């Protein structure tokens, strides 16, 4: 697991989403009541970004087609997404 400083704690109130570029990848950092999560900012259905998607109970919903992903594992939880 790689640790990268992405900002100050006070810049990330609960509910905040931020995209961070790491090498050639974009990572979505999300702050929920359960903590901070970081997953690839990409829906496996059509490569749409997850940034701005609705966050509920440590899941994020793709804003384009509604696929859901577990923020802790990055695993796809429902169609149309098909893999983590």
C-alpha atoms as a PDB file:
ATOM      1  CA  UNK A   1       0.000   0.000   0.000  1.00  0.00           C
ATOM      2  CA  UNK A   2       1.381   3.367  -1.044  1.00  0.00           C
ATOM      3  CA  UNK A   3       0.875   6.432   1.166  1.00  0.00           C
ATOM      4  CA  UNK A   4       0.745   9.820  -0.525  1.00  0.00           C
ATOM      5  CA  UNK A   5       0.052  13.219   1.024  1.00  0.00           C
ATOM      6  CA  UNK A   6      -2.950  14.703  -0.814  1.00  0.00           C
ATOM      7  CA  UNK A   7      -3.772  17.637   1.449  1.00  0.00           C
ATOM      8  CA  UNK A   8      -4.484  18.767   4.970  1.00  0.00           C
ATOM      9  CA  UNK A   9      -7.143  17.024   7.049  1.00  0.00           C
ATOM     10  CA  UNK A  10      -9.133  20.250   7.389  1.00  0.00           C
ATOM     11  CA  UNK A  11      -9.368  20.430   3.574  1.00  0.00           C
ATOM     12  CA  UNK A  12     -11.362  17.158   3.570  1.00  0.00           C
ATOM     13  CA  UNK A  13     -14.597  17.466   5.541  1.00  0.00           C
ATOM     14  CA  UNK A  14     -16.835  14.389   5.562  1.00  0.00           C
ATOM     15  CA  UNK A  15     -18.459  14.057   2.147  1.00  0.00           C
ATOM     16  CA  UNK A  16     -15.454  15.406   0.262  1.00  0.00           C
ATOM     17  CA  UNK A  17     -14.241  13.798  -2.971  1.00  0.00           C
ATOM     18  CA  UNK A  18     -10.920  14.673  -4.584  1.00  0.00           C
ATOM     19  CA  UNK A  19      -9.066  13.294  -7.603  1.00  0.00           C
ATOM     20  CA  UNK A  20      -5.333  12.747  -7.172  1.00  0.00           C
ATOM     21  CA  UNK A  21      -2.970  11.926 -10.036  1.00  0.00           C
ATOM     22  CA  UNK A  22      -0.431   9.223  -9.194  1.00  0.00           C
ATOM     23  CA  UNK A  23       1.993   8.476 -12.002  1.00  0.00           C
ATOM     24  CA  UNK A  24      -0.355   7.619 -14.909  1.00  0.00           C
ATOM     25  CA  UNK A  25      -3.439   6.826 -12.802  1.00  0.00           C
ATOM     26  CA  UNK A  26      -6.218   8.915 -11.304  1.00  0.00           C
ATOM     27  CA  UNK A  27      -7.264   8.003  -7.777  1.00  0.00           C
ATOM     28  CA  UNK A  28     -10.472   9.145  -6.137  1.00  0.00           C
ATOM     29  CA  UNK A  29     -10.088  10.004  -2.446  1.00  0.00           C
ATOM     30  CA  UNK A  30     -13.387  10.006  -0.554  1.00  0.00           C
ATOM     31  CA  UNK A  31     -13.956  11.002   3.085  1.00  0.00           C
ATOM     32  CA  UNK A  32     -16.956   9.280   4.666  1.00  0.00           C
ATOM     33  CA  UNK A  33     -18.079   9.021   8.270  1.00  0.00           C
ATOM     34  CA  UNK A  34     -16.133   5.699   8.343  1.00  0.00           C
ATOM     35  CA  UNK A  35     -12.863   7.273   7.223  1.00  0.00           C
ATOM     36  CA  UNK A  36     -10.844   7.958   4.103  1.00  0.00           C
ATOM     37  CA  UNK A  37     -10.968   5.726   1.041  1.00  0.00           C
ATOM     38  CA  UNK A  38      -8.967   5.753  -2.174  1.00  0.00           C
ATOM     39  CA  UNK A  39      -9.934   3.856  -5.327  1.00  0.00           C
ATOM     40  CA  UNK A  40      -9.206   4.166  -9.025  1.00  0.00           C
ATOM     41  CA  UNK A  41     -11.409   6.913 -10.489  1.00  0.00           C
ATOM     42  CA  UNK A  42     -12.817   4.661 -13.189  1.00  0.00           C
ATOM     43  CA  UNK A  43     -15.993   2.682 -13.729  1.00  0.00           C
ATOM     44  CA  UNK A  44     -15.209  -0.721 -15.232  1.00  0.00           C
ATOM     45  CA  UNK A  45     -18.329  -0.490 -17.393  1.00  0.00           C
ATOM     46  CA  UNK A  46     -17.199   2.295 -19.719  1.00  0.00           C
ATOM     47  CA  UNK A  47     -14.181   4.022 -18.140  1.00  0.00           C
ATOM     48  CA  UNK A  48     -16.351   6.895 -16.903  1.00  0.00           C
ATOM     49  CA  UNK A  49     -15.001   8.703 -13.849  1.00  0.00           C
ATOM     50  CA  UNK A  50     -16.564   7.975 -10.472  1.00  0.00           C
ATOM     51  CA  UNK A  51     -15.875  11.480  -9.156  1.00  0.00           C
ATOM     52  CA  UNK A  52     -19.107  13.181  -8.169  1.00  0.00           C
ATOM     53  CA  UNK A  53     -20.968   9.913  -7.714  1.00  0.00           C
ATOM     54  CA  UNK A  54     -23.366   9.459  -4.811  1.00  0.00           C
ATOM     55  CA  UNK A  55     -21.696   7.977  -1.722  1.00  0.00           C
ATOM     56  CA  UNK A  56     -23.794   5.807   0.621  1.00  0.00           C
ATOM     57  CA  UNK A  57     -22.615   3.352   3.285  1.00  0.00           C
ATOM     58  CA  UNK A  58     -19.041   3.149   1.945  1.00  0.00           C
ATOM     59  CA  UNK A  59     -20.152   2.614  -1.636  1.00  0.00           C
ATOM     60  CA  UNK A  60     -19.981   4.989  -4.583  1.00  0.00           C
ATOM     61  CA  UNK A  61     -22.425   5.035  -7.470  1.00  0.00           C
ATOM     62  CA  UNK A  62     -21.168   5.797 -10.971  1.00  0.00           C
ATOM     63  CA  UNK A  63     -22.843   9.050 -12.002  1.00  0.00           C
ATOM     64  CA  UNK A  64     -23.271   7.876 -15.599  1.00  0.00           C
ATOM     65  CA  UNK A  65     -24.952   4.453 -15.462  1.00  0.00           C
ATOM     66  CA  UNK A  66     -25.451   3.704 -11.752  1.00  0.00           C
ATOM     67  CA  UNK A  67     -22.928   0.917 -11.189  1.00  0.00           C
ATOM     68  CA  UNK A  68     -21.855   0.696  -7.541  1.00  0.00           C
ATOM     69  CA  UNK A  69     -18.405   0.069  -6.077  1.00  0.00           C
ATOM     70  CA  UNK A  70     -17.230  -0.778  -2.573  1.00  0.00           C
ATOM     71  CA  UNK A  71     -14.964   2.061  -1.407  1.00  0.00           C
ATOM     72  CA  UNK A  72     -12.952  -0.240   0.862  1.00  0.00           C
ATOM     73  CA  UNK A  73     -12.099  -2.867  -1.744  1.00  0.00           C
ATOM     74  CA  UNK A  74     -12.884  -1.180  -5.078  1.00  0.00           C
ATOM     75  CA  UNK A  75     -14.981  -4.238  -5.979  1.00  0.00           C
ATOM     76  CA  UNK A  76     -17.883  -3.757  -8.401  1.00  0.00           C
ATOM     77  CA  UNK A  77     -21.142  -4.480  -6.578  1.00  0.00           C
ATOM     78  CA  UNK A  78     -23.687  -4.401  -9.395  1.00  0.00           C
ATOM     79  CA  UNK A  79     -24.123  -4.182 -13.136  1.00  0.00           C
ATOM     80  CA  UNK A  80     -23.336  -2.561 -15.475  1.00  0.00           C
ATOM     81  CA  UNK A  81     -19.868  -2.639 -13.839  1.00  0.00           C
ATOM     82  CA  UNK A  82     -18.281  -6.043 -14.257  1.00  0.00           C
ATOM     83  CA  UNK A  83     -15.011  -6.068 -12.311  1.00  0.00           C
ATOM     84  CA  UNK A  84     -12.992  -4.162  -9.751  1.00  0.00           C
END
